[in-house]
Amino acid sequence: MAHESVTSAMEKVGKGFPGRINLPSWLENAGGLGGEAPAGAAESCEPQAPMDLKHGIRRNFARRARSYDRHASMQRLMAQGLVAMLEGIPARARRILEIGCGTGYLTQLLRQINRDARLIALDLDAALLETARERLGPEAGVAFLAADGENPIRGEYDLIIGNATFQWFARPGETLAAYWRNLAPGGVLAFSTLGPGTFQELAGALSLAAESLNLAETPRIAAQDFGDRESWSRHLHRAGFTRMHLCREMVATTFPTVRDFLKALQATGATNPNPRPFSPRLLTALLHAYQAAYGEHGVIPVSYEVIWAVAQK
């Protein structure tokens, strides 16, 4: 897996020190902090999330609670990179809220860094929460909560954090504004998410397959509708954040075959929450198109567009 720059970032994980919660030095000095909002940052009104979308997301991940960790290497990498970017912030936080904790990988990292903070970890699905409880054990002192991270959350927090979750938000701008209100003065919102370049080979292969079959419409994959770095920057500005840093990286991995990739994707639950069934003919054409267009040296590539964001109130 090509992740050299993320790996180097992991080596910078801070050990923490006392004092108020400040941004890391690289964020304090990052260009573009404060000042004017980016172009297009006008006010907007977002629709409520359809219940079938939420049910679809919960269903996909709940079905894979036991297989998720075996296939979630990219999500672990994203979590490690996020913690590295935060340097000493998690160690100094007294109140932490984790959005979309899943099976508890990031939760465990946070608890290892800070054993004294009040840590609340929420997720849509009870099966995932149970897996997270088993991972950490009762002695970890984590409050697990079955809840929708896009709904208003009571309380005041020094750190609100989420890993590989925000791409599924139906109301990202409204949700980030709610997080801003829930942060204590000087508090930090930090998240990693996937951008629209994720699985770009799969999207391209689907287009080729649809063309080969003379289909009137090319099926879309969920990742094509994920927000990009610029849209997340606009959402953060609209929410009230003026000090922020966002970075983007294309990360590549490989699989022996297209079928292996699709099976691994299904095993994590990270599939379309509103799926449209593929005909056997389209699936066969997809497998052939992907291999023919992208296969090389006995493997097929899979790209992830990873976005990390840190913002301070």
C-alpha atoms as a PDB file:
ATOM      1  CA  MET A   1       0.000   0.000   0.000  1.00  0.00           C
ATOM      2  CA  ALA A   2       1.413   3.411  -0.977  1.00  0.00           C
ATOM      3  CA  HIS A   3       1.136   5.530   2.137  1.00  0.00           C
ATOM      4  CA  GLU A   4       4.637   6.837   2.794  1.00  0.00           C
ATOM      5  CA  SER A   5       3.607  10.421   3.576  1.00  0.00           C
ATOM      6  CA  VAL A   6       0.861   9.291   5.947  1.00  0.00           C
ATOM      7  CA  THR A   7       3.279   6.944   7.660  1.00  0.00           C
ATOM      8  CA  SER A   8       5.723   9.794   8.226  1.00  0.00           C
ATOM      9  CA  ALA A   9       2.908  11.846   9.700  1.00  0.00           C
ATOM     10  CA  MET A  10       2.147   9.058  12.160  1.00  0.00           C
ATOM     11  CA  GLU A  11       5.613   9.427  13.620  1.00  0.00           C
ATOM     12  CA  LYS A  12       4.674  12.910  14.823  1.00  0.00           C
ATOM     13  CA  VAL A  13       1.989  11.808  17.270  1.00  0.00           C
ATOM     14  CA  GLY A  14       2.437  14.029  20.314  1.00  0.00           C
ATOM     15  CA  LYS A  15       2.744  12.738  23.855  1.00  0.00           C
ATOM     16  CA  GLY A  16       0.721  15.659  25.236  1.00  0.00           C
ATOM     17  CA  PHE A  17       1.491  18.314  27.793  1.00  0.00           C
ATOM     18  CA  PRO A  18      -0.560  20.347  30.286  1.00  0.00           C
ATOM     19  CA  GLY A  19      -2.219  23.619  29.442  1.00  0.00           C
ATOM     20  CA  ARG A  20      -5.163  24.860  27.418  1.00  0.00           C
ATOM     21  CA  ILE A  21      -6.035  23.208  24.136  1.00  0.00           C
ATOM     22  CA  ASN A  22      -4.005  24.889  21.406  1.00  0.00           C
ATOM     23  CA  LEU A  23      -3.709  23.959  17.769  1.00  0.00           C
ATOM     24  CA  PRO A  24      -0.561  22.163  16.626  1.00  0.00           C
ATOM     25  CA  SER A  25       2.188  24.518  15.464  1.00  0.00           C
ATOM     26  CA  TRP A  26       1.705  23.538  11.829  1.00  0.00           C
ATOM     27  CA  LEU A  27      -1.968  24.507  12.068  1.00  0.00           C
ATOM     28  CA  GLU A  28      -1.225  27.779  13.870  1.00  0.00           C
ATOM     29  CA  ASN A  29       1.006  28.791  10.973  1.00  0.00           C
ATOM     30  CA  ALA A  30      -0.956  27.255   8.130  1.00  0.00           C
ATOM     31  CA  GLY A  31      -1.813  29.527   5.269  1.00  0.00           C
ATOM     32  CA  GLY A  32      -5.407  30.517   4.646  1.00  0.00           C
ATOM     33  CA  LEU A  33      -6.479  30.554   8.309  1.00  0.00           C
ATOM     34  CA  GLY A  34      -8.990  33.207   9.188  1.00  0.00           C
ATOM     35  CA  GLY A  35      -9.860  36.044   6.828  1.00  0.00           C
ATOM     36  CA  GLU A  36     -12.433  35.752   4.093  1.00  0.00           C
ATOM     37  CA  ALA A  37     -14.539  32.667   3.593  1.00  0.00           C
ATOM     38  CA  PRO A  38     -13.746  30.801   0.378  1.00  0.00           C
ATOM     39  CA  ALA A  39     -15.615  31.539  -2.802  1.00  0.00           C
ATOM     40  CA  GLY A  40     -19.100  30.145  -2.848  1.00  0.00           C
ATOM     41  CA  ALA A  41     -19.449  30.131   0.940  1.00  0.00           C
ATOM     42  CA  ALA A  42     -22.944  31.577   0.897  1.00  0.00           C
ATOM     43  CA  GLU A  43     -25.594  30.515   3.379  1.00  0.00           C
ATOM     44  CA  SER A  44     -27.538  27.431   2.420  1.00  0.00           C
ATOM     45  CA  CYS A  45     -30.451  25.402   3.726  1.00  0.00           C
ATOM     46  CA  GLU A  46     -29.939  21.652   3.606  1.00  0.00           C
ATOM     47  CA  PRO A  47     -32.721  19.048   3.458  1.00  0.00           C
ATOM     48  CA  GLN A  48     -33.286  16.572   6.229  1.00  0.00           C
ATOM     49  CA  ALA A  49     -31.586  13.222   5.752  1.00  0.00           C
ATOM     50  CA  PRO A  50     -33.976  10.639   4.273  1.00  0.00           C
ATOM     51  CA  MET A  51     -34.650   7.881   6.761  1.00  0.00           C
ATOM     52  CA  ASP A  52     -34.061   5.200   4.121  1.00  0.00           C
ATOM     53  CA  LEU A  53     -30.535   6.564   3.625  1.00  0.00           C
ATOM     54  CA  LYS A  54     -29.786   6.270   7.336  1.00  0.00           C
ATOM     55  CA  HIS A  55     -31.341   2.831   7.464  1.00  0.00           C
ATOM     56  CA  GLY A  56     -29.260   1.775   4.487  1.00  0.00           C
ATOM     57  CA  ILE A  57     -26.026   2.964   6.096  1.00  0.00           C
ATOM     58  CA  ARG A  58     -26.856   1.267   9.380  1.00  0.00           C
ATOM     59  CA  ARG A  59     -27.879  -1.951   7.620  1.00  0.00           C
ATOM     60  CA  ASN A  60     -24.675  -2.117   5.565  1.00  0.00           C
ATOM     61  CA  PHE A  61     -22.347  -1.711   8.529  1.00  0.00           C
ATOM     62  CA  ALA A  62     -24.403  -3.775  10.978  1.00  0.00           C
ATOM     63  CA  ARG A  63     -24.217  -6.785   8.670  1.00  0.00           C
ATOM     64  CA  ARG A  64     -20.412  -6.557   8.697  1.00  0.00           C
ATOM     65  CA  ALA A  65     -19.705  -5.835  12.373  1.00  0.00           C
ATOM     66  CA  ARG A  66     -17.692  -9.051  12.746  1.00  0.00           C
ATOM     67  CA  SER A  67     -15.828  -8.902   9.421  1.00  0.00           C
ATOM     68  CA  TYR A  68     -15.131  -5.165   9.340  1.00  0.00           C
ATOM     69  CA  ASP A  69     -11.801  -5.112  11.172  1.00  0.00           C
ATOM     70  CA  ARG A  70     -10.251  -7.785   8.955  1.00  0.00           C
ATOM     71  CA  HIS A  71     -10.714  -5.607   5.885  1.00  0.00           C
ATOM     72  CA  ALA A  72     -10.515  -2.041   7.253  1.00  0.00           C
ATOM     73  CA  SER A  73      -6.807  -1.350   6.772  1.00  0.00           C
ATOM     74  CA  MET A  74      -7.501   1.966   5.025  1.00  0.00           C
ATOM     75  CA  GLN A  75      -9.790   3.132   7.820  1.00  0.00           C
ATOM     76  CA  ARG A  76      -7.079   2.290  10.364  1.00  0.00           C
ATOM     77  CA  LEU A  77      -4.550   4.233   8.321  1.00  0.00           C
ATOM     78  CA  MET A  78      -6.902   7.227   8.222  1.00  0.00           C
ATOM     79  CA  ALA A  79      -7.370   7.088  12.003  1.00  0.00           C
ATOM     80  CA  GLN A  80      -3.628   6.922  12.640  1.00  0.00           C
ATOM     81  CA  GLY A  81      -3.011   9.848  10.308  1.00  0.00           C
ATOM     82  CA  LEU A  82      -5.735  11.877  12.024  1.00  0.00           C
ATOM     83  CA  VAL A  83      -4.283  11.298  15.485  1.00  0.00           C
ATOM     84  CA  ALA A  84      -0.828  12.196  14.168  1.00  0.00           C
ATOM     85  CA  MET A  85      -2.121  15.495  12.762  1.00  0.00           C
ATOM     86  CA  LEU A  86      -3.630  16.396  16.123  1.00  0.00           C
ATOM     87  CA  GLU A  87      -0.288  16.019  17.897  1.00  0.00           C
ATOM     88  CA  GLY A  88      -0.971  16.609  21.622  1.00  0.00           C
ATOM     89  CA  ILE A  89      -4.606  17.743  21.397  1.00  0.00           C
ATOM     90  CA  PRO A  90      -6.260  14.417  22.384  1.00  0.00           C
ATOM     91  CA  ALA A  91      -3.947  14.095  25.391  1.00  0.00           C
ATOM     92  CA  ARG A  92      -5.014  17.500  26.731  1.00  0.00           C
ATOM     93  CA  ALA A  93      -8.748  17.213  26.082  1.00  0.00           C
ATOM     94  CA  ARG A  94     -10.984  16.716  29.114  1.00  0.00           C
ATOM     95  CA  ARG A  95     -14.192  15.981  27.179  1.00  0.00           C
ATOM     96  CA  ILE A  96     -14.097  14.051  23.886  1.00  0.00           C
ATOM     97  CA  LEU A  97     -16.975  13.110  21.590  1.00  0.00           C
ATOM     98  CA  GLU A  98     -16.320  10.563  18.841  1.00  0.00           C
ATOM     99  CA  ILE A  99     -18.722  10.436  15.903  1.00  0.00           C
ATOM    100  CA  GLY A 100     -19.248   7.080  14.184  1.00  0.00           C
ATOM    101  CA  CYS A 101     -16.980   4.991  16.391  1.00  0.00           C
ATOM    102  CA  GLY A 102     -17.753   1.760  14.508  1.00  0.00           C
ATOM    103  CA  THR A 103     -15.833  -1.157  16.008  1.00  0.00           C
ATOM    104  CA  GLY A 104     -13.787   1.144  18.255  1.00  0.00           C
ATOM    105  CA  TYR A 105     -10.372   1.381  16.604  1.00  0.00           C
ATOM    106  CA  LEU A 106     -10.056   5.164  16.961  1.00  0.00           C
ATOM    107  CA  THR A 107     -11.788   4.986  20.336  1.00  0.00           C
ATOM    108  CA  GLN A 108      -9.027   2.701  21.553  1.00  0.00           C
ATOM    109  CA  LEU A 109      -6.319   5.031  20.237  1.00  0.00           C
ATOM    110  CA  LEU A 110      -7.928   7.980  22.019  1.00  0.00           C
ATOM    111  CA  ARG A 111      -8.203   6.089  25.293  1.00  0.00           C
ATOM    112  CA  GLN A 112      -4.578   4.966  25.087  1.00  0.00           C
ATOM    113  CA  ILE A 113      -3.493   8.584  24.612  1.00  0.00           C
ATOM    114  CA  ASN A 114      -5.787  10.012  27.278  1.00  0.00           C
ATOM    115  CA  ARG A 115      -6.986   7.714  30.077  1.00  0.00           C
ATOM    116  CA  ASP A 116      -8.660  10.465  32.102  1.00  0.00           C
ATOM    117  CA  ALA A 117     -10.876  12.296  29.607  1.00  0.00           C
ATOM    118  CA  ARG A 118     -14.637  11.875  29.596  1.00  0.00           C
ATOM    119  CA  LEU A 119     -14.993   9.969  26.336  1.00  0.00           C
ATOM    120  CA  ILE A 120     -18.341   9.467  24.602  1.00  0.00           C
ATOM    121  CA  ALA A 121     -18.393   7.333  21.445  1.00  0.00           C
ATOM    122  CA  LEU A 122     -21.528   7.098  19.345  1.00  0.00           C
ATOM    123  CA  ASP A 123     -22.590   5.110  16.318  1.00  0.00           C
ATOM    124  CA  LEU A 124     -25.800   4.430  14.436  1.00  0.00           C
ATOM    125  CA  ASP A 125     -25.713   0.702  15.029  1.00  0.00           C
ATOM    126  CA  ALA A 126     -25.897  -1.287  18.252  1.00  0.00           C
ATOM    127  CA  ALA A 127     -23.990  -4.266  16.784  1.00  0.00           C
ATOM    128  CA  LEU A 128     -20.977  -2.090  16.016  1.00  0.00           C
ATOM    129  CA  LEU A 129     -21.149  -0.550  19.491  1.00  0.00           C
ATOM    130  CA  GLU A 130     -21.142  -4.004  21.052  1.00  0.00           C
ATOM    131  CA  THR A 131     -18.016  -4.880  19.071  1.00  0.00           C
ATOM    132  CA  ALA A 132     -16.399  -1.654  20.264  1.00  0.00           C
ATOM    133  CA  ARG A 133     -17.301  -2.442  23.885  1.00  0.00           C
ATOM    134  CA  GLU A 134     -15.699  -5.860  23.542  1.00  0.00           C
ATOM    135  CA  ARG A 135     -12.561  -4.328  22.043  1.00  0.00           C
ATOM    136  CA  LEU A 136     -12.026  -1.820  24.865  1.00  0.00           C
ATOM    137  CA  GLY A 137     -13.534  -3.671  27.822  1.00  0.00           C
ATOM    138  CA  PRO A 138     -15.496  -2.152  30.709  1.00  0.00           C
ATOM    139  CA  GLU A 139     -12.375  -0.824  32.430  1.00  0.00           C
ATOM    140  CA  ALA A 140     -11.845   1.694  29.592  1.00  0.00           C
ATOM    141  CA  GLY A 141     -14.617   3.870  30.990  1.00  0.00           C
ATOM    142  CA  VAL A 142     -16.032   4.845  27.587  1.00  0.00           C
ATOM    143  CA  ALA A 143     -19.694   5.838  27.301  1.00  0.00           C
ATOM    144  CA  PHE A 144     -21.010   4.181  24.133  1.00  0.00           C
ATOM    145  CA  LEU A 145     -24.190   5.651  22.695  1.00  0.00           C
ATOM    146  CA  ALA A 146     -26.430   4.469  19.858  1.00  0.00           C
ATOM    147  CA  ALA A 147     -27.208   7.730  18.089  1.00  0.00           C
ATOM    148  CA  ASP A 148     -27.123   9.545  14.768  1.00  0.00           C
ATOM    149  CA  GLY A 149     -24.083  11.817  14.623  1.00  0.00           C
ATOM    150  CA  GLU A 150     -26.023  14.309  12.505  1.00  0.00           C
ATOM    151  CA  ASN A 151     -28.569  15.014  15.232  1.00  0.00           C
ATOM    152  CA  PRO A 152     -27.920  17.741  17.811  1.00  0.00           C
ATOM    153  CA  ILE A 153     -25.738  16.481  20.626  1.00  0.00           C
ATOM    154  CA  ARG A 154     -26.003  17.894  24.127  1.00  0.00           C
ATOM    155  CA  GLY A 155     -22.923  18.831  26.076  1.00  0.00           C
ATOM    156  CA  GLU A 156     -19.743  20.824  25.640  1.00  0.00           C
ATOM    157  CA  TYR A 157     -16.582  19.193  24.337  1.00  0.00           C
ATOM    158  CA  ASP A 158     -12.911  20.043  23.947  1.00  0.00           C
ATOM    159  CA  LEU A 159     -12.557  17.656  21.008  1.00  0.00           C
ATOM    160  CA  ILE A 160     -15.127  16.311  18.552  1.00  0.00           C
ATOM    161  CA  ILE A 161     -13.579  13.727  16.280  1.00  0.00           C
ATOM    162  CA  GLY A 162     -14.646  11.260  13.607  1.00  0.00           C
ATOM    163  CA  ASN A 163     -12.842   8.837  11.314  1.00  0.00           C
ATOM    164  CA  ALA A 164     -14.029   7.661   7.882  1.00  0.00           C
ATOM    165  CA  THR A 165     -17.586   8.672   8.754  1.00  0.00           C
ATOM    166  CA  PHE A 166     -18.375  12.181   7.544  1.00  0.00           C
ATOM    167  CA  GLN A 167     -18.605  11.145   3.872  1.00  0.00           C
ATOM    168  CA  TRP A 168     -21.960   9.543   4.731  1.00  0.00           C
ATOM    169  CA  PHE A 169     -23.484  12.754   6.115  1.00  0.00           C
ATOM    170  CA  ALA A 170     -26.657  13.935   4.390  1.00  0.00           C
ATOM    171  CA  ARG A 171     -26.525  17.417   5.999  1.00  0.00           C
ATOM    172  CA  PRO A 172     -22.803  18.166   6.379  1.00  0.00           C
ATOM    173  CA  GLY A 173     -23.075  21.945   6.680  1.00  0.00           C
ATOM    174  CA  GLU A 174     -25.857  21.847   9.254  1.00  0.00           C
ATOM    175  CA  THR A 175     -24.056  19.123  11.187  1.00  0.00           C
ATOM    176  CA  LEU A 176     -20.726  20.969  11.346  1.00  0.00           C
ATOM    177  CA  ALA A 177     -22.572  24.055  12.595  1.00  0.00           C
ATOM    178  CA  ALA A 178     -24.059  21.935  15.396  1.00  0.00           C
ATOM    179  CA  TYR A 179     -20.587  20.672  16.283  1.00  0.00           C
ATOM    180  CA  TRP A 180     -19.295  24.257  16.405  1.00  0.00           C
ATOM    181  CA  ARG A 181     -21.994  25.081  18.958  1.00  0.00           C
ATOM    182  CA  ASN A 182     -21.086  22.016  21.022  1.00  0.00           C
ATOM    183  CA  LEU A 183     -17.397  22.858  21.213  1.00  0.00           C
ATOM    184  CA  ALA A 184     -15.992  24.692  24.200  1.00  0.00           C
ATOM    185  CA  PRO A 185     -14.141  27.938  23.439  1.00  0.00           C
ATOM    186  CA  GLY A 186     -10.886  26.916  21.776  1.00  0.00           C
ATOM    187  CA  GLY A 187     -12.229  23.400  21.177  1.00  0.00           C
ATOM    188  CA  VAL A 188     -11.232  21.402  18.116  1.00  0.00           C
ATOM    189  CA  LEU A 189     -13.182  19.513  15.455  1.00  0.00           C
ATOM    190  CA  ALA A 190     -11.096  16.900  13.661  1.00  0.00           C
ATOM    191  CA  PHE A 191     -12.131  14.348  11.089  1.00  0.00           C
ATOM    192  CA  SER A 192     -10.939  12.180   8.253  1.00  0.00           C
ATOM    193  CA  THR A 193     -13.199  11.436   5.346  1.00  0.00           C
ATOM    194  CA  LEU A 194     -13.157  10.008   1.842  1.00  0.00           C
ATOM    195  CA  GLY A 195     -13.414  12.216  -1.216  1.00  0.00           C
ATOM    196  CA  PRO A 196     -15.028  11.689  -4.641  1.00  0.00           C
ATOM    197  CA  GLY A 197     -11.820  10.295  -6.142  1.00  0.00           C
ATOM    198  CA  THR A 198     -12.227   7.190  -3.993  1.00  0.00           C
ATOM    199  CA  PHE A 199     -12.607   4.043  -6.128  1.00  0.00           C
ATOM    200  CA  GLN A 200     -12.066   6.065  -9.289  1.00  0.00           C
ATOM    201  CA  GLU A 201     -11.038   2.901 -11.119  1.00  0.00           C
ATOM    202  CA  LEU A 202     -14.334   1.245 -10.203  1.00  0.00           C
ATOM    203  CA  ALA A 203     -16.261   4.256 -11.497  1.00  0.00           C
ATOM    204  CA  GLY A 204     -14.254   4.237 -14.714  1.00  0.00           C
ATOM    205  CA  ALA A 205     -14.721   0.513 -15.206  1.00  0.00           C
ATOM    206  CA  LEU A 206     -18.470   0.856 -14.682  1.00  0.00           C
ATOM    207  CA  SER A 207     -18.585   3.526 -17.360  1.00  0.00           C
ATOM    208  CA  LEU A 208     -16.673   1.287 -19.768  1.00  0.00           C
ATOM    209  CA  ALA A 209     -18.909  -1.676 -18.948  1.00  0.00           C
ATOM    210  CA  ALA A 210     -22.094   0.334 -19.466  1.00  0.00           C
ATOM    211  CA  GLU A 211     -20.754   1.617 -22.782  1.00  0.00           C
ATOM    212  CA  SER A 212     -19.889  -1.899 -23.942  1.00  0.00           C
ATOM    213  CA  LEU A 213     -23.460  -2.996 -23.221  1.00  0.00           C
ATOM    214  CA  ASN A 214     -25.006   0.119 -24.786  1.00  0.00           C
ATOM    215  CA  LEU A 215     -26.750   0.990 -21.530  1.00  0.00           C
ATOM    216  CA  ALA A 216     -28.673   4.262 -21.541  1.00  0.00           C
ATOM    217  CA  GLU A 217     -27.306   5.230 -18.122  1.00  0.00           C
ATOM    218  CA  THR A 218     -24.035   4.499 -16.339  1.00  0.00           C
ATOM    219  CA  PRO A 219     -24.575   3.351 -12.737  1.00  0.00           C
ATOM    220  CA  ARG A 220     -22.962   5.635 -10.158  1.00  0.00           C
ATOM    221  CA  ILE A 221     -21.006   4.505  -7.140  1.00  0.00           C
ATOM    222  CA  ALA A 222     -21.608   6.164  -3.758  1.00  0.00           C
ATOM    223  CA  ALA A 223     -18.110   7.668  -3.628  1.00  0.00           C
ATOM    224  CA  GLN A 224     -18.804   9.888  -6.625  1.00  0.00           C
ATOM    225  CA  ASP A 225     -21.134  11.930  -4.430  1.00  0.00           C
ATOM    226  CA  PHE A 226     -18.690  12.345  -1.520  1.00  0.00           C
ATOM    227  CA  GLY A 227     -17.628  15.901  -0.726  1.00  0.00           C
ATOM    228  CA  ASP A 228     -14.212  17.137  -1.852  1.00  0.00           C
ATOM    229  CA  ARG A 229     -11.714  19.185   0.157  1.00  0.00           C
ATOM    230  CA  GLU A 230     -13.073  22.498  -1.119  1.00  0.00           C
ATOM    231  CA  SER A 231     -16.669  21.664  -0.173  1.00  0.00           C
ATOM    232  CA  TRP A 232     -15.606  20.651   3.351  1.00  0.00           C
ATOM    233  CA  SER A 233     -13.675  23.909   3.658  1.00  0.00           C
ATOM    234  CA  ARG A 234     -16.801  25.858   2.696  1.00  0.00           C
ATOM    235  CA  HIS A 235     -18.936  23.879   5.169  1.00  0.00           C
ATOM    236  CA  LEU A 236     -16.460  24.638   7.968  1.00  0.00           C
ATOM    237  CA  HIS A 237     -16.448  28.365   7.175  1.00  0.00           C
ATOM    238  CA  ARG A 238     -20.234  28.515   7.080  1.00  0.00           C
ATOM    239  CA  ALA A 239     -20.380  26.671  10.396  1.00  0.00           C
ATOM    240  CA  GLY A 240     -18.296  29.406  12.057  1.00  0.00           C
ATOM    241  CA  PHE A 241     -14.762  27.985  11.934  1.00  0.00           C
ATOM    242  CA  THR A 242     -12.094  30.420  10.738  1.00  0.00           C
ATOM    243  CA  ARG A 243      -8.940  28.592  11.822  1.00  0.00           C
ATOM    244  CA  MET A 244      -8.578  25.331  10.019  1.00  0.00           C
ATOM    245  CA  HIS A 245      -6.296  23.087   8.031  1.00  0.00           C
ATOM    246  CA  LEU A 246      -7.373  20.520   5.456  1.00  0.00           C
ATOM    247  CA  CYS A 247      -5.124  18.187   3.516  1.00  0.00           C
ATOM    248  CA  ARG A 248      -5.828  15.685   0.798  1.00  0.00           C
ATOM    249  CA  GLU A 249      -3.921  12.648  -0.416  1.00  0.00           C
ATOM    250  CA  MET A 250      -4.551   9.987  -3.007  1.00  0.00           C
ATOM    251  CA  VAL A 251      -3.641   6.647  -1.437  1.00  0.00           C
ATOM    252  CA  ALA A 252      -3.367   3.497  -3.550  1.00  0.00           C
ATOM    253  CA  THR A 253      -3.570  -0.156  -2.663  1.00  0.00           C
ATOM    254  CA  THR A 254      -3.878  -3.316  -4.743  1.00  0.00           C
ATOM    255  CA  PHE A 255      -5.898  -6.525  -4.827  1.00  0.00           C
ATOM    256  CA  PRO A 256      -5.224  -9.791  -6.666  1.00  0.00           C
ATOM    257  CA  THR A 257      -8.507  -9.581  -8.590  1.00  0.00           C
ATOM    258  CA  VAL A 258     -11.538  -7.351  -8.986  1.00  0.00           C
ATOM    259  CA  ARG A 259     -13.662  -9.931  -7.186  1.00  0.00           C
ATOM    260  CA  ASP A 260     -11.297  -9.818  -4.193  1.00  0.00           C
ATOM    261  CA  PHE A 261     -11.698  -6.055  -4.026  1.00  0.00           C
ATOM    262  CA  LEU A 262     -15.488  -6.202  -4.227  1.00  0.00           C
ATOM    263  CA  LYS A 263     -15.631  -8.889  -1.530  1.00  0.00           C
ATOM    264  CA  ALA A 264     -13.404  -6.817   0.775  1.00  0.00           C
ATOM    265  CA  LEU A 265     -15.530  -3.741   0.142  1.00  0.00           C
ATOM    266  CA  GLN A 266     -18.674  -5.661   1.004  1.00  0.00           C
ATOM    267  CA  ALA A 267     -17.026  -7.051   4.143  1.00  0.00           C
ATOM    268  CA  THR A 268     -16.532  -3.522   5.532  1.00  0.00           C
ATOM    269  CA  GLY A 269     -20.116  -2.456   4.790  1.00  0.00           C
ATOM    270  CA  ALA A 270     -18.825   0.613   2.917  1.00  0.00           C
ATOM    271  CA  THR A 271     -21.156   0.105  -0.023  1.00  0.00           C
ATOM    272  CA  ASN A 272     -23.988   2.124  -1.503  1.00  0.00           C
ATOM    273  CA  PRO A 273     -26.715   2.643   1.154  1.00  0.00           C
ATOM    274  CA  ASN A 274     -29.283   2.795  -1.663  1.00  0.00           C
ATOM    275  CA  PRO A 275     -28.035  -0.013  -3.927  1.00  0.00           C
ATOM    276  CA  ARG A 276     -29.287  -0.689  -7.415  1.00  0.00           C
ATOM    277  CA  PRO A 277     -28.967  -4.358  -8.358  1.00  0.00           C
ATOM    278  CA  PHE A 278     -26.427  -5.272 -11.033  1.00  0.00           C
ATOM    279  CA  SER A 279     -27.490  -7.701 -13.718  1.00  0.00           C
ATOM    280  CA  PRO A 280     -25.145 -10.675 -14.177  1.00  0.00           C
ATOM    281  CA  ARG A 281     -24.324  -9.262 -17.609  1.00  0.00           C
ATOM    282  CA  LEU A 282     -23.248  -5.897 -16.188  1.00  0.00           C
ATOM    283  CA  LEU A 283     -21.205  -7.528 -13.428  1.00  0.00           C
ATOM    284  CA  THR A 284     -19.363  -9.680 -15.955  1.00  0.00           C
ATOM    285  CA  ALA A 285     -18.694  -6.634 -18.122  1.00  0.00           C
ATOM    286  CA  LEU A 286     -17.479  -4.687 -15.073  1.00  0.00           C
ATOM    287  CA  LEU A 287     -15.023  -7.402 -14.045  1.00  0.00           C
ATOM    288  CA  HIS A 288     -13.622  -7.551 -17.570  1.00  0.00           C
ATOM    289  CA  ALA A 289     -13.436  -3.760 -18.027  1.00  0.00           C
ATOM    290  CA  TYR A 290     -11.698  -3.177 -14.690  1.00  0.00           C
ATOM    291  CA  GLN A 291      -9.085  -5.865 -15.339  1.00  0.00           C
ATOM    292  CA  ALA A 292      -8.491  -4.793 -18.932  1.00  0.00           C
ATOM    293  CA  ALA A 293      -8.225  -1.068 -18.192  1.00  0.00           C
ATOM    294  CA  TYR A 294      -6.316  -1.095 -14.931  1.00  0.00           C
ATOM    295  CA  GLY A 295      -4.865  -4.546 -14.263  1.00  0.00           C
ATOM    296  CA  GLU A 296      -1.085  -4.757 -14.302  1.00  0.00           C
ATOM    297  CA  HIS A 297       1.584  -7.135 -12.950  1.00  0.00           C
ATOM    298  CA  GLY A 298      -1.040  -9.570 -11.697  1.00  0.00           C
ATOM    299  CA  VAL A 299      -2.947  -7.088  -9.504  1.00  0.00           C
ATOM    300  CA  ILE A 300      -5.595  -4.392  -9.858  1.00  0.00           C
ATOM    301  CA  PRO A 301      -5.224  -0.919  -8.252  1.00  0.00           C
ATOM    302  CA  VAL A 302      -7.755   0.691  -5.925  1.00  0.00           C
ATOM    303  CA  SER A 303      -7.513   4.403  -5.138  1.00  0.00           C
ATOM    304  CA  TYR A 304      -8.735   6.258  -2.074  1.00  0.00           C
ATOM    305  CA  GLU A 305      -9.011  10.037  -1.856  1.00  0.00           C
ATOM    306  CA  VAL A 306      -8.366  10.743   1.825  1.00  0.00           C
ATOM    307  CA  ILE A 307      -9.160  14.125   3.353  1.00  0.00           C
ATOM    308  CA  TRP A 308      -8.092  15.150   6.865  1.00  0.00           C
ATOM    309  CA  ALA A 309      -9.471  18.285   8.516  1.00  0.00           C
ATOM    310  CA  VAL A 310      -8.719  20.046  11.794  1.00  0.00           C
ATOM    311  CA  ALA A 311     -10.564  23.221  12.823  1.00  0.00           C
ATOM    312  CA  GLN A 312     -10.652  25.257  16.030  1.00  0.00           C
ATOM    313  CA  LYS A 313     -13.520  27.239  17.478  1.00  0.00           C
END
